[in-house]
Every structure is written in structure tokens, then in C-alpha cells.
N, C-alpha and C. Protein backbone atom coordinates (compact mmCIF):
# COMPACT_ATOMS: atom_id res chain seq x y z
N MET A 1 -113.21 106.67 191.47
CA MET A 1 -113.13 107.69 192.49
C MET A 1 -113.38 107.01 193.82
N VAL A 2 -112.48 107.23 194.77
CA VAL A 2 -112.59 106.68 196.11
C VAL A 2 -112.58 107.84 197.09
N VAL A 3 -113.45 107.80 198.07
CA VAL A 3 -113.48 108.83 199.11
C VAL A 3 -113.12 108.18 200.43
N ASP A 4 -112.12 108.71 201.12
CA ASP A 4 -111.67 108.20 202.41
C ASP A 4 -112.16 109.12 203.51
N VAL A 5 -112.98 108.60 204.40
CA VAL A 5 -113.52 109.41 205.51
C VAL A 5 -112.98 108.93 206.85
N SER A 6 -111.86 108.19 206.85
CA SER A 6 -111.34 107.62 208.08
C SER A 6 -110.59 108.62 208.95
N GLY A 7 -110.06 109.67 208.37
CA GLY A 7 -109.28 110.65 209.13
C GLY A 7 -110.10 111.85 209.55
N ASP A 8 -109.41 112.90 209.96
CA ASP A 8 -110.08 114.13 210.38
C ASP A 8 -110.73 114.87 209.22
N SER A 9 -110.16 114.71 208.02
CA SER A 9 -110.73 115.38 206.86
C SER A 9 -110.99 114.36 205.76
N MET A 10 -111.95 114.64 204.93
CA MET A 10 -112.29 113.74 203.85
C MET A 10 -111.30 113.94 202.70
N ARG A 11 -110.78 112.83 202.16
CA ARG A 11 -109.86 112.87 201.02
C ARG A 11 -110.47 112.06 199.89
N SER A 12 -110.21 112.49 198.67
CA SER A 12 -110.68 111.77 197.48
C SER A 12 -109.48 111.24 196.72
N GLU A 13 -109.69 110.14 196.02
CA GLU A 13 -108.65 109.55 195.21
C GLU A 13 -109.19 109.34 193.80
N ALA A 14 -108.38 109.67 192.82
CA ALA A 14 -108.76 109.46 191.42
C ALA A 14 -107.71 108.58 190.76
N VAL A 15 -108.17 107.70 189.90
CA VAL A 15 -107.30 106.82 189.12
C VAL A 15 -107.61 107.08 187.65
N VAL A 16 -106.58 107.35 186.85
CA VAL A 16 -106.79 107.62 185.43
C VAL A 16 -105.78 106.83 184.59
N LYS A 17 -106.20 106.52 183.37
CA LYS A 17 -105.31 105.96 182.36
C LYS A 17 -105.23 106.99 181.26
N VAL A 18 -104.02 107.38 180.90
CA VAL A 18 -103.81 108.37 179.86
C VAL A 18 -103.04 107.72 178.72
N ALA A 19 -103.62 107.75 177.52
CA ALA A 19 -102.94 107.23 176.33
C ALA A 19 -102.24 108.40 175.65
N HIS A 20 -100.93 108.30 175.52
CA HIS A 20 -100.13 109.35 174.90
C HIS A 20 -100.04 109.13 173.40
N PRO A 21 -99.82 110.22 172.64
CA PRO A 21 -99.71 110.09 171.18
C PRO A 21 -98.61 109.11 170.75
N GLN A 22 -97.58 108.95 171.56
CA GLN A 22 -96.48 108.05 171.22
C GLN A 22 -96.87 106.58 171.42
N GLY A 23 -98.09 106.33 171.90
CA GLY A 23 -98.55 104.96 172.08
C GLY A 23 -98.40 104.44 173.50
N GLU A 24 -97.74 105.17 174.36
CA GLU A 24 -97.57 104.73 175.74
C GLU A 24 -98.85 105.01 176.53
N VAL A 25 -99.08 104.18 177.54
CA VAL A 25 -100.23 104.37 178.42
C VAL A 25 -99.72 104.56 179.84
N GLU A 26 -100.15 105.63 180.46
CA GLU A 26 -99.81 105.91 181.86
C GLU A 26 -101.03 105.60 182.70
N HIS A 27 -100.85 104.82 183.75
CA HIS A 27 -101.92 104.50 184.69
C HIS A 27 -101.50 105.13 186.01
N THR A 28 -102.19 106.21 186.42
CA THR A 28 -101.77 106.96 187.59
C THR A 28 -102.93 107.13 188.57
N ALA A 29 -102.56 107.39 189.80
CA ALA A 29 -103.54 107.68 190.84
C ALA A 29 -103.02 108.82 191.69
N SER A 30 -103.94 109.57 192.27
CA SER A 30 -103.55 110.67 193.14
C SER A 30 -104.68 110.99 194.10
N GLU A 31 -104.32 111.56 195.24
CA GLU A 31 -105.30 112.01 196.21
C GLU A 31 -105.45 113.52 196.13
N GLY A 32 -106.59 114.00 196.60
CA GLY A 32 -106.83 115.43 196.65
C GLY A 32 -107.83 115.76 197.73
N ASN A 33 -108.05 117.05 197.96
CA ASN A 33 -108.98 117.47 198.99
C ASN A 33 -110.43 117.40 198.52
N GLY A 34 -110.64 116.94 197.31
CA GLY A 34 -111.97 116.73 196.73
C GLY A 34 -111.80 115.98 195.43
N PRO A 35 -112.88 115.52 194.83
CA PRO A 35 -112.75 114.71 193.62
C PRO A 35 -112.15 115.44 192.42
N VAL A 36 -112.42 116.72 192.27
CA VAL A 36 -111.86 117.47 191.14
C VAL A 36 -110.37 117.70 191.34
N ASN A 37 -109.95 118.00 192.56
CA ASN A 37 -108.53 118.16 192.86
C ASN A 37 -107.78 116.85 192.64
N ALA A 38 -108.35 115.74 193.08
CA ALA A 38 -107.72 114.43 192.89
C ALA A 38 -107.61 114.09 191.41
N LEU A 39 -108.65 114.37 190.65
CA LEU A 39 -108.65 114.13 189.22
C LEU A 39 -107.60 114.98 188.51
N ASP A 40 -107.53 116.26 188.86
CA ASP A 40 -106.54 117.17 188.29
C ASP A 40 -105.12 116.68 188.58
N ARG A 41 -104.86 116.28 189.81
CA ARG A 41 -103.52 115.81 190.18
C ARG A 41 -103.15 114.52 189.46
N ALA A 42 -104.11 113.59 189.32
CA ALA A 42 -103.83 112.33 188.62
C ALA A 42 -103.56 112.58 187.13
N LEU A 43 -104.34 113.47 186.52
CA LEU A 43 -104.11 113.80 185.11
C LEU A 43 -102.73 114.40 184.90
N ARG A 44 -102.39 115.36 185.73
CA ARG A 44 -101.06 116.00 185.62
C ARG A 44 -99.94 114.99 185.80
N LYS A 45 -100.12 114.09 186.75
CA LYS A 45 -99.11 113.06 187.02
C LYS A 45 -98.88 112.20 185.78
N GLY A 46 -99.96 111.89 185.06
CA GLY A 46 -99.84 111.07 183.87
C GLY A 46 -99.34 111.81 182.64
N LEU A 47 -99.50 113.11 182.61
CA LEU A 47 -99.14 113.91 181.43
C LEU A 47 -97.82 114.67 181.54
N MET A 48 -97.37 114.93 182.76
CA MET A 48 -96.24 115.84 182.99
C MET A 48 -94.95 115.43 182.26
N ARG A 49 -94.67 114.14 182.17
CA ARG A 49 -93.45 113.70 181.51
C ARG A 49 -93.43 114.10 180.04
N PHE A 50 -94.58 114.09 179.40
CA PHE A 50 -94.67 114.40 177.98
C PHE A 50 -94.95 115.87 177.70
N PHE A 51 -95.62 116.53 178.65
CA PHE A 51 -96.02 117.92 178.46
C PHE A 51 -95.69 118.74 179.71
N PRO A 52 -94.42 119.03 179.96
CA PRO A 52 -94.04 119.73 181.19
C PRO A 52 -94.64 121.13 181.32
N GLU A 53 -95.05 121.74 180.21
CA GLU A 53 -95.61 123.09 180.27
C GLU A 53 -96.94 123.14 181.01
N ILE A 54 -97.59 122.00 181.24
CA ILE A 54 -98.86 122.04 181.99
C ILE A 54 -98.64 122.35 183.47
N SER A 55 -97.38 122.30 183.92
CA SER A 55 -97.11 122.66 185.32
C SER A 55 -97.41 124.13 185.58
N GLU A 56 -97.46 124.95 184.52
CA GLU A 56 -97.76 126.38 184.65
C GLU A 56 -99.25 126.65 184.86
N VAL A 57 -100.11 125.68 184.52
CA VAL A 57 -101.56 125.89 184.56
C VAL A 57 -102.08 125.76 185.98
N ARG A 58 -102.85 126.76 186.39
CA ARG A 58 -103.48 126.77 187.72
C ARG A 58 -104.96 127.07 187.58
N LEU A 59 -105.78 126.34 188.30
CA LEU A 59 -107.21 126.60 188.34
C LEU A 59 -107.44 127.81 189.25
N THR A 60 -108.15 128.81 188.75
CA THR A 60 -108.41 130.00 189.56
C THR A 60 -109.87 130.13 189.97
N ASP A 61 -110.77 129.41 189.28
CA ASP A 61 -112.18 129.46 189.65
C ASP A 61 -112.86 128.19 189.14
N TYR A 62 -113.85 127.73 189.90
CA TYR A 62 -114.60 126.52 189.56
C TYR A 62 -116.05 126.78 189.91
N LYS A 63 -116.93 126.68 188.92
CA LYS A 63 -118.36 126.93 189.15
C LYS A 63 -119.18 125.82 188.55
N VAL A 64 -120.26 125.47 189.24
CA VAL A 64 -121.19 124.46 188.75
C VAL A 64 -122.57 125.09 188.70
N ARG A 65 -123.25 124.90 187.59
CA ARG A 65 -124.61 125.39 187.44
C ARG A 65 -125.50 124.24 186.99
N VAL A 66 -126.68 124.14 187.58
CA VAL A 66 -127.65 123.15 187.16
C VAL A 66 -128.39 123.70 185.94
N ILE A 67 -128.42 122.91 184.87
CA ILE A 67 -129.05 123.36 183.63
C ILE A 67 -130.53 122.99 183.61
N ASP A 68 -130.83 121.78 184.00
CA ASP A 68 -132.20 121.25 183.92
C ASP A 68 -132.75 121.08 185.34
N THR A 69 -133.29 122.12 185.92
CA THR A 69 -133.73 122.08 187.31
C THR A 69 -134.89 121.11 187.54
N GLY A 70 -135.64 120.77 186.51
CA GLY A 70 -136.77 119.86 186.67
C GLY A 70 -136.37 118.42 186.90
N SER A 71 -135.11 118.08 186.67
CA SER A 71 -134.65 116.69 186.82
C SER A 71 -134.05 116.40 188.18
N ALA A 72 -134.08 117.36 189.09
CA ALA A 72 -133.56 117.18 190.46
C ALA A 72 -132.11 116.70 190.43
N THR A 73 -131.79 115.62 191.16
CA THR A 73 -130.40 115.17 191.23
C THR A 73 -129.91 114.51 189.95
N ALA A 74 -130.79 114.23 189.00
CA ALA A 74 -130.40 113.67 187.70
C ALA A 74 -130.19 114.76 186.66
N ALA A 75 -130.18 116.01 187.11
CA ALA A 75 -130.08 117.14 186.19
C ALA A 75 -128.72 117.22 185.51
N LYS A 76 -128.74 117.80 184.33
CA LYS A 76 -127.51 118.11 183.60
C LYS A 76 -126.87 119.32 184.28
N VAL A 77 -125.53 119.27 184.44
CA VAL A 77 -124.82 120.40 185.04
C VAL A 77 -123.79 120.94 184.07
N ARG A 78 -123.48 122.21 184.24
CA ARG A 78 -122.44 122.87 183.45
C ARG A 78 -121.34 123.27 184.43
N VAL A 79 -120.13 122.81 184.16
CA VAL A 79 -118.97 123.15 184.97
C VAL A 79 -118.12 124.15 184.20
N LEU A 80 -117.82 125.28 184.82
CA LEU A 80 -116.94 126.29 184.24
C LEU A 80 -115.66 126.32 185.07
N ILE A 81 -114.54 126.19 184.38
CA ILE A 81 -113.24 126.25 185.05
C ILE A 81 -112.45 127.40 184.44
N LYS A 82 -112.01 128.30 185.29
CA LYS A 82 -111.15 129.39 184.85
C LYS A 82 -109.73 129.01 185.25
N SER A 83 -108.81 129.11 184.29
CA SER A 83 -107.42 128.72 184.49
C SER A 83 -106.49 129.85 184.09
N THR A 84 -105.26 129.77 184.57
CA THR A 84 -104.23 130.74 184.18
C THR A 84 -102.89 130.04 184.10
N ASP A 85 -102.00 130.61 183.31
CA ASP A 85 -100.61 130.15 183.27
C ASP A 85 -99.68 131.25 183.80
N GLY A 86 -100.28 132.25 184.43
CA GLY A 86 -99.52 133.36 184.97
C GLY A 86 -99.51 134.58 184.07
N SER A 87 -99.70 134.37 182.77
CA SER A 87 -99.73 135.51 181.86
C SER A 87 -101.07 135.64 181.13
N ARG A 88 -101.75 134.53 180.94
CA ARG A 88 -103.06 134.54 180.28
C ARG A 88 -104.06 133.78 181.14
N SER A 89 -105.35 134.08 180.93
CA SER A 89 -106.42 133.35 181.60
C SER A 89 -107.41 132.87 180.55
N TRP A 90 -108.07 131.75 180.81
CA TRP A 90 -109.06 131.21 179.90
C TRP A 90 -110.09 130.43 180.69
N THR A 91 -111.26 130.25 180.08
CA THR A 91 -112.35 129.52 180.72
C THR A 91 -112.75 128.36 179.83
N THR A 92 -112.94 127.20 180.44
CA THR A 92 -113.39 126.02 179.71
C THR A 92 -114.67 125.49 180.37
N ILE A 93 -115.43 124.74 179.59
CA ILE A 93 -116.75 124.29 180.04
C ILE A 93 -116.91 122.79 179.79
N GLY A 94 -117.56 122.12 180.73
CA GLY A 94 -117.96 120.73 180.57
C GLY A 94 -119.42 120.60 180.92
N VAL A 95 -120.16 119.78 180.19
CA VAL A 95 -121.59 119.59 180.44
C VAL A 95 -121.89 118.10 180.47
N SER A 96 -122.59 117.66 181.50
CA SER A 96 -122.98 116.26 181.64
C SER A 96 -123.99 116.13 182.77
N THR A 97 -124.62 114.98 182.86
CA THR A 97 -125.46 114.69 184.03
C THR A 97 -124.60 114.20 185.19
N ASN A 98 -123.33 113.93 184.91
CA ASN A 98 -122.37 113.48 185.92
C ASN A 98 -121.41 114.63 186.20
N ILE A 99 -121.42 115.17 187.40
CA ILE A 99 -120.60 116.34 187.73
C ILE A 99 -119.10 116.06 187.59
N ILE A 100 -118.68 114.83 187.87
CA ILE A 100 -117.26 114.48 187.74
C ILE A 100 -116.88 114.44 186.25
N GLU A 101 -117.75 113.88 185.42
CA GLU A 101 -117.48 113.86 183.98
C GLU A 101 -117.43 115.28 183.41
N ALA A 102 -118.36 116.13 183.82
CA ALA A 102 -118.36 117.53 183.35
C ALA A 102 -117.08 118.23 183.80
N SER A 103 -116.64 117.96 185.02
CA SER A 103 -115.40 118.54 185.53
C SER A 103 -114.20 118.05 184.73
N LEU A 104 -114.18 116.75 184.43
CA LEU A 104 -113.09 116.18 183.64
C LEU A 104 -113.03 116.82 182.26
N MET A 105 -114.18 117.00 181.62
CA MET A 105 -114.22 117.65 180.30
C MET A 105 -113.59 119.04 180.36
N ALA A 106 -113.97 119.81 181.35
CA ALA A 106 -113.44 121.17 181.48
C ALA A 106 -111.95 121.16 181.81
N LEU A 107 -111.51 120.23 182.66
CA LEU A 107 -110.08 120.12 182.99
C LEU A 107 -109.26 119.75 181.75
N LEU A 108 -109.73 118.76 181.01
CA LEU A 108 -109.02 118.34 179.80
C LEU A 108 -108.93 119.46 178.77
N ASP A 109 -110.04 120.17 178.59
CA ASP A 109 -110.02 121.30 177.65
C ASP A 109 -109.05 122.38 178.09
N SER A 110 -108.96 122.61 179.39
CA SER A 110 -108.03 123.62 179.90
C SER A 110 -106.58 123.23 179.60
N ILE A 111 -106.26 121.98 179.83
CA ILE A 111 -104.90 121.50 179.56
C ILE A 111 -104.62 121.53 178.06
N GLU A 112 -105.60 121.08 177.26
CA GLU A 112 -105.42 121.09 175.80
C GLU A 112 -105.24 122.52 175.28
N TYR A 113 -105.99 123.48 175.82
CA TYR A 113 -105.84 124.87 175.41
C TYR A 113 -104.41 125.33 175.66
N LYS A 114 -103.89 125.05 176.84
CA LYS A 114 -102.52 125.45 177.16
C LYS A 114 -101.53 124.83 176.19
N LEU A 115 -101.71 123.55 175.90
CA LEU A 115 -100.78 122.87 175.01
C LEU A 115 -100.84 123.42 173.59
N GLN A 116 -102.03 123.68 173.09
CA GLN A 116 -102.15 124.23 171.74
C GLN A 116 -101.63 125.66 171.67
N ASP A 117 -101.83 126.41 172.73
CA ASP A 117 -101.41 127.80 172.74
C ASP A 117 -99.90 127.95 172.91
N SER A 118 -99.25 126.99 173.58
CA SER A 118 -97.83 127.13 173.86
C SER A 118 -96.92 126.45 172.86
N ARG A 119 -97.49 125.63 172.00
CA ARG A 119 -96.66 124.92 171.02
C ARG A 119 -96.59 125.71 169.72
N PRO A 120 -95.42 125.75 169.08
CA PRO A 120 -95.31 126.46 167.80
C PRO A 120 -96.10 125.73 166.72
N PRO A 121 -96.59 126.46 165.71
CA PRO A 121 -97.31 125.81 164.62
C PRO A 121 -96.39 124.87 163.86
N PRO A 122 -96.93 123.84 163.21
CA PRO A 122 -96.10 122.91 162.44
C PRO A 122 -95.32 123.66 161.36
N THR A 123 -94.12 123.20 161.07
CA THR A 123 -93.27 123.86 160.09
C THR A 123 -93.81 123.72 158.67
N ASN A 124 -94.64 122.70 158.45
CA ASN A 124 -95.19 122.52 157.11
C ASN A 124 -96.53 123.22 156.94
N ALA A 125 -96.86 124.13 157.83
CA ALA A 125 -98.14 124.87 157.73
C ALA A 125 -98.12 125.72 156.44
N MET A 126 -99.26 125.76 155.80
CA MET A 126 -99.36 126.56 154.57
C MET A 126 -99.27 128.03 154.89
N ARG A 127 -98.60 128.77 154.05
CA ARG A 127 -98.45 130.20 154.25
C ARG A 127 -99.19 130.93 153.15
N SER A 128 -99.83 132.03 153.54
CA SER A 128 -100.54 132.83 152.53
C SER A 128 -99.56 133.78 151.87
N SER A 129 -99.77 134.06 150.58
CA SER A 129 -98.87 134.94 149.83
C SER A 129 -99.32 136.37 149.91
């Protein structure tokens, strides 16, 4: 994560490596108006070619709560991300002592939820009689 404070507004940059199921590795970077936005943009950039349906996912709410108030700045935080694809909404959660890691967990779960929800079940799925 890189933060640029040289201009009128602060910009963040995220760099991610995404390993795809097909064995390919995407190494992408993106800027955003904050670290979570930069991380979201970099993830999408690395995943979009394989999973175009994630373009429908939009973050609608982002909340951070301190879980362990006695630990001050080393406290564990819970990040809640509410997302939508225009027809459904869902909430995902990440927990860590690192707010960026907790945010990444919630972002990844949000994308994974969309992918699992939008893909048809395998054709060899067992059927009940």
C-alpha cells in the first residue's frame, strides 16, 4: 500500500497478485481515493478477465468497529461491507488487528458470494429422488 500526498488530495495505491484457478497469476496495481478503494480496484482489475460478473458488484456501505477497546491502536477490528449487484444485497465481514487485512477479507468474501450466487450448480451435482 502506497499513499501519495504530493497533490491536492491524498491518493492510495494497492498492488495485488491474484492466482486464478487456471494457474495464471495476475499482478495488478490500482489507485483509489483511499486504501480500501485502491484495493477493490486492484482486485477487480486482476479478476475481471476471468469473472466479468463482478463488474455488477458495488459497495454500498463500509463500517469499522473496534472489538477489543483495551488494546488501543493494536485492537482487533471488525469490518462490515454491504454490497449489491442491483437486484440483491449482502453483507460480508472481516476481522483482524490490521484494518486493511480485515477490509480485504470482507471484499474477497463479497466477490466470492457474487460468484457462487451467479454461477449455475455443477451438472454432476447429486439429485434427491
